[in-house]
Amino acid sequence: MIPGIINELIAHKQTQVWSISPDATVFEAIQLMAEKNIGALPVLSGQKLIGIVSERDYTRKVAIKGKSSKDTKVSEILAPPVTATPSHSVEECMKLMTVNRVRHIPILDGEALISIVSIGDLVNWIITAQSVTINQLESYITGHYPGSD
């Protein structure tokens, strides 16, 4: 089992969540993603999450179909959001991503968008947790655990 809940993970991440309006153009969304070096944007109508748009959506729903990103609205290509809460575990979020074939999950507290978690965030969390466990086990095995000196 992978330790940790999403609330712990988002406490260690950048708190700024970039979003876009459904009325914005896909070009504006791609431009914002490039500027902020992110792969997806929550789509908000007012304060309500109505979807998510990713670089993958742009590629599959605009570029490949020969549409113009400057003439296509975000609302035309957004995907319904797969969401989680701060109390979901890291493992549950990985399962949600795998089952739904998504790479980003908005985190909602009630209806309020508080963060977005990427597959990269989850992988980094797991690697860190495994490193800590390995270090603790090595210290225990060698007798260099806290309080042994």
N, C-alpha and C. Protein backbone atom coordinates (compact mmCIF):
# COMPACT_ATOMS: atom_id res chain seq x y z
N MET A 1 0.84 -1.19 0.00
CA MET A 1 0.00 0.00 0.00
C MET A 1 0.88 1.25 0.00
N ILE A 2 0.49 2.24 -0.76
CA ILE A 2 1.23 3.48 -0.89
C ILE A 2 0.77 4.42 0.22
N PRO A 3 1.71 4.87 1.06
CA PRO A 3 1.30 5.75 2.16
C PRO A 3 0.93 7.14 1.66
N GLY A 4 0.11 7.81 2.43
CA GLY A 4 -0.19 9.21 2.15
C GLY A 4 -1.57 9.46 1.60
N ILE A 5 -2.09 10.61 1.98
CA ILE A 5 -3.35 11.06 1.42
C ILE A 5 -3.06 12.32 0.60
N ILE A 6 -3.93 12.63 -0.28
CA ILE A 6 -3.74 13.74 -1.20
C ILE A 6 -3.56 15.06 -0.44
N ASN A 7 -4.23 15.22 0.68
CA ASN A 7 -4.07 16.43 1.47
C ASN A 7 -2.61 16.66 1.85
N GLU A 8 -1.89 15.58 2.19
CA GLU A 8 -0.46 15.69 2.52
C GLU A 8 0.35 16.08 1.28
N LEU A 9 0.03 15.48 0.16
CA LEU A 9 0.74 15.77 -1.08
C LEU A 9 0.55 17.24 -1.49
N ILE A 10 -0.69 17.72 -1.47
CA ILE A 10 -0.92 19.10 -1.94
C ILE A 10 -0.35 20.13 -0.97
N ALA A 11 -0.10 19.73 0.28
CA ALA A 11 0.53 20.65 1.24
C ALA A 11 1.98 20.93 0.84
N HIS A 12 2.57 20.05 0.03
CA HIS A 12 3.96 20.20 -0.39
C HIS A 12 4.09 20.72 -1.82
N LYS A 13 2.99 21.00 -2.49
CA LYS A 13 3.01 21.47 -3.87
C LYS A 13 2.79 22.96 -3.95
N GLN A 14 3.04 23.47 -5.13
CA GLN A 14 2.72 24.86 -5.41
C GLN A 14 1.21 25.03 -5.23
N THR A 15 0.81 26.11 -4.56
CA THR A 15 -0.61 26.29 -4.26
C THR A 15 -1.40 26.94 -5.39
N GLN A 16 -0.72 27.59 -6.32
CA GLN A 16 -1.41 28.27 -7.42
C GLN A 16 -2.05 27.26 -8.36
N VAL A 17 -3.35 27.40 -8.58
CA VAL A 17 -4.05 26.56 -9.55
C VAL A 17 -4.48 27.46 -10.70
N TRP A 18 -3.95 27.20 -11.86
CA TRP A 18 -4.32 27.96 -13.06
C TRP A 18 -5.57 27.32 -13.65
N SER A 19 -6.47 28.13 -14.16
CA SER A 19 -7.70 27.62 -14.77
C SER A 19 -8.04 28.48 -15.97
N ILE A 20 -9.08 28.04 -16.69
CA ILE A 20 -9.50 28.77 -17.88
C ILE A 20 -11.02 28.72 -17.99
N SER A 21 -11.57 29.68 -18.69
CA SER A 21 -13.02 29.77 -18.91
C SER A 21 -13.40 28.91 -20.12
N PRO A 22 -14.62 28.37 -20.11
CA PRO A 22 -15.06 27.60 -21.27
C PRO A 22 -15.19 28.46 -22.53
N ASP A 23 -15.30 29.77 -22.36
CA ASP A 23 -15.42 30.68 -23.51
C ASP A 23 -14.08 31.07 -24.12
N ALA A 24 -12.98 30.74 -23.46
CA ALA A 24 -11.65 31.04 -24.00
C ALA A 24 -11.40 30.17 -25.22
N THR A 25 -10.46 30.60 -26.05
CA THR A 25 -10.10 29.77 -27.21
C THR A 25 -9.10 28.70 -26.77
N VAL A 26 -9.04 27.66 -27.56
CA VAL A 26 -8.07 26.60 -27.30
C VAL A 26 -6.66 27.18 -27.40
N PHE A 27 -6.44 28.12 -28.30
CA PHE A 27 -5.14 28.77 -28.43
C PHE A 27 -4.75 29.42 -27.10
N GLU A 28 -5.69 30.13 -26.48
CA GLU A 28 -5.41 30.77 -25.18
C GLU A 28 -5.08 29.73 -24.11
N ALA A 29 -5.77 28.60 -24.14
CA ALA A 29 -5.51 27.53 -23.17
C ALA A 29 -4.11 26.96 -23.38
N ILE A 30 -3.76 26.67 -24.62
CA ILE A 30 -2.44 26.11 -24.92
C ILE A 30 -1.34 27.12 -24.56
N GLN A 31 -1.61 28.37 -24.85
CA GLN A 31 -0.65 29.43 -24.54
C GLN A 31 -0.41 29.51 -23.03
N LEU A 32 -1.48 29.44 -22.23
CA LEU A 32 -1.36 29.49 -20.77
C LEU A 32 -0.63 28.24 -20.25
N MET A 33 -0.95 27.07 -20.80
CA MET A 33 -0.26 25.86 -20.38
C MET A 33 1.24 25.95 -20.68
N ALA A 34 1.60 26.47 -21.84
CA ALA A 34 3.01 26.61 -22.20
C ALA A 34 3.70 27.62 -21.27
N GLU A 35 3.04 28.73 -21.03
CA GLU A 35 3.61 29.78 -20.17
C GLU A 35 3.85 29.29 -18.74
N LYS A 36 2.93 28.49 -18.23
CA LYS A 36 3.02 28.01 -16.84
C LYS A 36 3.67 26.64 -16.73
N ASN A 37 4.04 26.06 -17.88
CA ASN A 37 4.68 24.74 -17.94
C ASN A 37 3.83 23.67 -17.25
N ILE A 38 2.57 23.63 -17.63
CA ILE A 38 1.62 22.65 -17.10
C ILE A 38 0.95 21.91 -18.26
N GLY A 39 0.38 20.75 -17.98
CA GLY A 39 -0.19 19.92 -19.04
C GLY A 39 -1.69 19.93 -19.14
N ALA A 40 -2.36 20.58 -18.17
CA ALA A 40 -3.83 20.59 -18.19
C ALA A 40 -4.33 21.78 -17.39
N LEU A 41 -5.54 22.19 -17.73
CA LEU A 41 -6.20 23.30 -17.03
C LEU A 41 -7.61 22.91 -16.62
N PRO A 42 -7.97 23.14 -15.37
CA PRO A 42 -9.37 23.01 -15.00
C PRO A 42 -10.17 24.08 -15.74
N VAL A 43 -11.37 23.74 -16.16
CA VAL A 43 -12.25 24.70 -16.85
C VAL A 43 -13.33 25.09 -15.86
N LEU A 44 -13.37 26.40 -15.54
CA LEU A 44 -14.31 26.90 -14.54
C LEU A 44 -15.32 27.83 -15.17
N SER A 45 -16.57 27.64 -14.78
CA SER A 45 -17.63 28.57 -15.12
C SER A 45 -17.96 29.27 -13.81
N GLY A 46 -17.51 30.51 -13.66
CA GLY A 46 -17.57 31.17 -12.36
C GLY A 46 -16.58 30.45 -11.46
N GLN A 47 -17.06 29.91 -10.35
CA GLN A 47 -16.21 29.13 -9.44
C GLN A 47 -16.45 27.63 -9.57
N LYS A 48 -17.34 27.24 -10.49
CA LYS A 48 -17.72 25.83 -10.62
C LYS A 48 -16.87 25.11 -11.67
N LEU A 49 -16.31 23.98 -11.27
CA LEU A 49 -15.54 23.14 -12.18
C LEU A 49 -16.50 22.44 -13.14
N ILE A 50 -16.29 22.65 -14.44
CA ILE A 50 -17.16 22.00 -15.42
C ILE A 50 -16.41 21.02 -16.32
N GLY A 51 -15.09 21.04 -16.23
CA GLY A 51 -14.31 20.13 -17.06
C GLY A 51 -12.84 20.37 -16.89
N ILE A 52 -12.09 19.73 -17.75
CA ILE A 52 -10.64 19.89 -17.78
C ILE A 52 -10.20 19.82 -19.23
N VAL A 53 -9.19 20.59 -19.58
CA VAL A 53 -8.65 20.57 -20.93
C VAL A 53 -7.16 20.33 -20.82
N SER A 54 -6.65 19.45 -21.67
CA SER A 54 -5.24 19.08 -21.61
C SER A 54 -4.59 19.22 -22.98
N GLU A 55 -3.27 19.12 -22.96
CA GLU A 55 -2.53 19.13 -24.22
C GLU A 55 -2.99 17.97 -25.10
N ARG A 56 -3.30 16.86 -24.48
CA ARG A 56 -3.79 15.68 -25.20
C ARG A 56 -5.11 16.00 -25.90
N ASP A 57 -6.01 16.72 -25.21
CA ASP A 57 -7.29 17.12 -25.84
C ASP A 57 -7.04 17.99 -27.06
N TYR A 58 -6.09 18.93 -26.93
CA TYR A 58 -5.76 19.78 -28.07
C TYR A 58 -5.29 18.93 -29.25
N THR A 59 -4.35 18.05 -28.98
CA THR A 59 -3.78 17.22 -30.06
C THR A 59 -4.84 16.38 -30.74
N ARG A 60 -5.68 15.72 -29.95
CA ARG A 60 -6.65 14.76 -30.51
C ARG A 60 -7.92 15.41 -31.05
N LYS A 61 -8.32 16.54 -30.47
CA LYS A 61 -9.61 17.12 -30.84
C LYS A 61 -9.52 18.37 -31.69
N VAL A 62 -8.30 18.92 -31.85
CA VAL A 62 -8.14 20.13 -32.66
C VAL A 62 -7.10 19.88 -33.76
N ALA A 63 -5.86 19.67 -33.37
CA ALA A 63 -4.76 19.57 -34.34
C ALA A 63 -4.98 18.45 -35.36
N ILE A 64 -5.26 17.25 -34.88
CA ILE A 64 -5.43 16.11 -35.79
C ILE A 64 -6.65 16.27 -36.69
N LYS A 65 -7.67 16.96 -36.20
CA LYS A 65 -8.89 17.14 -36.99
C LYS A 65 -8.82 18.36 -37.91
N GLY A 66 -7.68 19.05 -37.91
CA GLY A 66 -7.50 20.18 -38.81
C GLY A 66 -8.26 21.43 -38.40
N LYS A 67 -8.68 21.50 -37.15
CA LYS A 67 -9.39 22.69 -36.66
C LYS A 67 -8.38 23.77 -36.30
N SER A 68 -8.85 24.98 -36.19
CA SER A 68 -8.01 26.10 -35.77
C SER A 68 -8.14 26.31 -34.27
N SER A 69 -7.01 26.35 -33.58
CA SER A 69 -7.04 26.57 -32.13
C SER A 69 -7.52 27.97 -31.79
N LYS A 70 -7.39 28.90 -32.73
CA LYS A 70 -7.84 30.28 -32.48
C LYS A 70 -9.34 30.43 -32.71
N ASP A 71 -9.96 29.47 -33.40
CA ASP A 71 -11.40 29.54 -33.67
C ASP A 71 -12.20 28.53 -32.86
N THR A 72 -11.53 27.67 -32.12
CA THR A 72 -12.20 26.63 -31.34
C THR A 72 -12.24 27.04 -29.87
N LYS A 73 -13.41 26.96 -29.28
CA LYS A 73 -13.58 27.30 -27.86
C LYS A 73 -13.20 26.10 -26.98
N VAL A 74 -12.71 26.39 -25.81
CA VAL A 74 -12.38 25.35 -24.83
C VAL A 74 -13.60 24.47 -24.57
N SER A 75 -14.79 25.09 -24.52
CA SER A 75 -16.01 24.33 -24.24
C SER A 75 -16.28 23.23 -25.27
N GLU A 76 -15.72 23.37 -26.48
CA GLU A 76 -15.93 22.38 -27.53
C GLU A 76 -15.07 21.12 -27.35
N ILE A 77 -14.00 21.22 -26.56
CA ILE A 77 -13.10 20.07 -26.44
C ILE A 77 -12.87 19.60 -25.00
N LEU A 78 -13.45 20.29 -24.03
CA LEU A 78 -13.18 19.91 -22.64
C LEU A 78 -13.71 18.53 -22.33
N ALA A 79 -13.03 17.88 -21.42
CA ALA A 79 -13.43 16.54 -20.98
C ALA A 79 -14.10 16.65 -19.62
N PRO A 80 -15.07 15.78 -19.33
CA PRO A 80 -15.66 15.80 -17.99
C PRO A 80 -14.58 15.49 -16.97
N PRO A 81 -14.58 16.18 -15.85
CA PRO A 81 -13.49 15.96 -14.90
C PRO A 81 -13.66 14.69 -14.07
N VAL A 82 -12.56 14.01 -13.86
CA VAL A 82 -12.48 12.92 -12.89
C VAL A 82 -11.87 13.61 -11.67
N THR A 83 -12.58 13.63 -10.55
CA THR A 83 -12.11 14.40 -9.41
C THR A 83 -11.83 13.52 -8.20
N ALA A 84 -11.12 14.10 -7.26
CA ALA A 84 -10.84 13.46 -5.98
C ALA A 84 -10.99 14.52 -4.90
N THR A 85 -10.91 14.08 -3.66
CA THR A 85 -10.99 14.99 -2.52
C THR A 85 -9.66 14.94 -1.77
N PRO A 86 -9.43 15.88 -0.86
CA PRO A 86 -8.19 15.85 -0.09
C PRO A 86 -8.02 14.58 0.75
N SER A 87 -9.11 13.88 1.04
CA SER A 87 -9.02 12.67 1.87
C SER A 87 -8.78 11.40 1.06
N HIS A 88 -8.77 11.49 -0.27
CA HIS A 88 -8.43 10.33 -1.09
C HIS A 88 -6.97 9.96 -0.84
N SER A 89 -6.65 8.69 -0.95
CA SER A 89 -5.26 8.26 -0.82
C SER A 89 -4.55 8.45 -2.15
N VAL A 90 -3.22 8.45 -2.09
CA VAL A 90 -2.41 8.51 -3.30
C VAL A 90 -2.75 7.31 -4.18
N GLU A 91 -2.88 6.15 -3.56
CA GLU A 91 -3.21 4.92 -4.30
C GLU A 91 -4.57 5.03 -4.99
N GLU A 92 -5.57 5.58 -4.31
CA GLU A 92 -6.89 5.75 -4.93
C GLU A 92 -6.82 6.67 -6.14
N CYS A 93 -6.02 7.73 -6.03
CA CYS A 93 -5.89 8.66 -7.16
C CYS A 93 -5.18 8.00 -8.33
N MET A 94 -4.18 7.18 -8.05
CA MET A 94 -3.51 6.46 -9.14
C MET A 94 -4.49 5.53 -9.84
N LYS A 95 -5.34 4.86 -9.06
CA LYS A 95 -6.34 3.97 -9.66
C LYS A 95 -7.33 4.77 -10.51
N LEU A 96 -7.77 5.93 -10.00
CA LEU A 96 -8.69 6.78 -10.78
C LEU A 96 -8.05 7.18 -12.11
N MET A 97 -6.80 7.56 -12.06
CA MET A 97 -6.10 7.96 -13.29
C MET A 97 -5.98 6.79 -14.27
N THR A 98 -5.64 5.64 -13.75
CA THR A 98 -5.46 4.46 -14.60
C THR A 98 -6.77 4.02 -15.23
N VAL A 99 -7.81 3.89 -14.43
CA VAL A 99 -9.11 3.43 -14.92
C VAL A 99 -9.70 4.42 -15.93
N ASN A 100 -9.55 5.72 -15.67
CA ASN A 100 -10.15 6.74 -16.53
C ASN A 100 -9.21 7.25 -17.62
N ARG A 101 -7.97 6.72 -17.63
CA ARG A 101 -6.98 7.10 -18.64
C ARG A 101 -6.78 8.61 -18.70
N VAL A 102 -6.55 9.21 -17.52
CA VAL A 102 -6.27 10.64 -17.41
C VAL A 102 -4.94 10.83 -16.69
N ARG A 103 -4.37 11.99 -16.86
CA ARG A 103 -3.07 12.29 -16.24
C ARG A 103 -3.17 13.40 -15.20
N HIS A 104 -4.35 13.98 -15.06
CA HIS A 104 -4.54 15.08 -14.10
C HIS A 104 -5.90 14.92 -13.43
N ILE A 105 -5.92 15.16 -12.12
CA ILE A 105 -7.17 15.07 -11.37
C ILE A 105 -7.35 16.33 -10.53
N PRO A 106 -8.43 17.09 -10.78
CA PRO A 106 -8.73 18.22 -9.91
C PRO A 106 -9.13 17.71 -8.52
N ILE A 107 -8.68 18.43 -7.50
CA ILE A 107 -9.00 18.08 -6.12
C ILE A 107 -10.02 19.09 -5.62
N LEU A 108 -11.17 18.56 -5.19
CA LEU A 108 -12.28 19.41 -4.74
C LEU A 108 -12.52 19.24 -3.25
N ASP A 109 -12.77 20.35 -2.59
CA ASP A 109 -13.23 20.35 -1.21
C ASP A 109 -14.67 20.85 -1.29
N GLY A 110 -15.61 19.93 -1.24
CA GLY A 110 -17.00 20.27 -1.57
C GLY A 110 -17.05 20.56 -3.05
N GLU A 111 -17.45 21.77 -3.42
CA GLU A 111 -17.44 22.17 -4.84
C GLU A 111 -16.27 23.08 -5.17
N ALA A 112 -15.46 23.41 -4.16
CA ALA A 112 -14.34 24.34 -4.36
C ALA A 112 -13.11 23.60 -4.89
N LEU A 113 -12.57 24.10 -5.98
CA LEU A 113 -11.34 23.56 -6.55
C LEU A 113 -10.17 24.06 -5.69
N ILE A 114 -9.42 23.12 -5.10
CA ILE A 114 -8.31 23.54 -4.24
C ILE A 114 -6.94 23.18 -4.81
N SER A 115 -6.90 22.25 -5.74
CA SER A 115 -5.62 21.86 -6.34
C SER A 115 -5.89 21.00 -7.57
N ILE A 116 -4.83 20.69 -8.26
CA ILE A 116 -4.88 19.70 -9.34
C ILE A 116 -3.63 18.84 -9.17
N VAL A 117 -3.80 17.53 -9.28
CA VAL A 117 -2.72 16.59 -9.06
C VAL A 117 -2.44 15.88 -10.38
N SER A 118 -1.17 15.82 -10.74
CA SER A 118 -0.77 15.12 -11.97
C SER A 118 -0.19 13.76 -11.63
N ILE A 119 -0.07 12.93 -12.64
CA ILE A 119 0.56 11.63 -12.46
C ILE A 119 2.00 11.82 -11.98
N GLY A 120 2.65 12.87 -12.45
CA GLY A 120 4.01 13.18 -12.00
C GLY A 120 4.07 13.47 -10.51
N ASP A 121 3.08 14.20 -10.01
CA ASP A 121 3.02 14.48 -8.57
C ASP A 121 2.92 13.19 -7.77
N LEU A 122 2.08 12.27 -8.24
CA LEU A 122 1.88 11.00 -7.54
C LEU A 122 3.14 10.14 -7.58
N VAL A 123 3.78 10.08 -8.74
CA VAL A 123 5.01 9.30 -8.87
C VAL A 123 6.10 9.87 -7.97
N ASN A 124 6.25 11.19 -7.94
CA ASN A 124 7.25 11.81 -7.07
C ASN A 124 6.97 11.50 -5.61
N TRP A 125 5.69 11.53 -5.22
CA TRP A 125 5.32 11.22 -3.83
C TRP A 125 5.72 9.78 -3.49
N ILE A 126 5.43 8.87 -4.38
CA ILE A 126 5.74 7.45 -4.15
C ILE A 126 7.25 7.25 -4.05
N ILE A 127 8.01 7.85 -4.94
CA ILE A 127 9.47 7.71 -4.92
C ILE A 127 10.02 8.24 -3.59
N THR A 128 9.54 9.39 -3.16
CA THR A 128 9.99 9.97 -1.89
C THR A 128 9.63 9.05 -0.73
N ALA A 129 8.40 8.55 -0.71
CA ALA A 129 7.96 7.67 0.38
C ALA A 129 8.80 6.39 0.41
N GLN A 130 9.11 5.84 -0.75
CA GLN A 130 9.93 4.64 -0.80
C GLN A 130 11.35 4.91 -0.32
N SER A 131 11.91 6.06 -0.69
CA SER A 131 13.26 6.42 -0.25
C SER A 131 13.33 6.56 1.26
N VAL A 132 12.32 7.19 1.85
CA VAL A 132 12.27 7.35 3.31
C VAL A 132 12.21 5.98 3.98
N THR A 133 11.36 5.11 3.47
CA THR A 133 11.23 3.76 4.03
C THR A 133 12.54 2.99 3.92
N ILE A 134 13.18 3.05 2.77
CA ILE A 134 14.46 2.37 2.57
C ILE A 134 15.51 2.90 3.55
N ASN A 135 15.59 4.22 3.70
CA ASN A 135 16.55 4.80 4.64
C ASN A 135 16.28 4.37 6.07
N GLN A 136 15.01 4.33 6.46
CA GLN A 136 14.66 3.89 7.80
C GLN A 136 15.03 2.42 8.02
N LEU A 137 14.76 1.58 7.04
CA LEU A 137 15.11 0.16 7.15
C LEU A 137 16.62 -0.05 7.21
N GLU A 138 17.35 0.69 6.38
CA GLU A 138 18.82 0.58 6.41
C GLU A 138 19.36 1.01 7.77
N SER A 139 18.82 2.09 8.32
CA SER A 139 19.25 2.56 9.64
C SER A 139 18.93 1.53 10.71
N TYR A 140 17.78 0.92 10.62
CA TYR A 140 17.39 -0.10 11.60
C TYR A 140 18.32 -1.32 11.52
N ILE A 141 18.56 -1.77 10.28
CA ILE A 141 19.39 -2.96 10.07
C ILE A 141 20.82 -2.71 10.56
N THR A 142 21.37 -1.53 10.30
CA THR A 142 22.75 -1.22 10.70
C THR A 142 22.84 -0.74 12.14
N GLY A 143 21.70 -0.59 12.80
CA GLY A 143 21.71 -0.14 14.19
C GLY A 143 21.87 1.35 14.38
N HIS A 144 21.70 2.09 13.31
CA HIS A 144 21.84 3.55 13.38
C HIS A 144 20.47 4.24 13.37
N TYR A 145 19.56 3.74 14.14
CA TYR A 145 18.23 4.32 14.20
C TYR A 145 18.19 5.32 15.36
N PRO A 146 17.24 6.25 15.33
CA PRO A 146 17.18 7.29 16.37
C PRO A 146 17.16 6.69 17.77
N GLY A 147 17.98 7.27 18.63
CA GLY A 147 18.03 6.83 20.02
C GLY A 147 19.01 5.69 20.28
N SER A 148 19.77 5.28 19.24
CA SER A 148 20.69 4.16 19.43
C SER A 148 22.08 4.62 19.87
N ASP A 149 22.33 5.91 19.82
CA ASP A 149 23.66 6.41 20.17
C ASP A 149 23.79 6.75 21.63
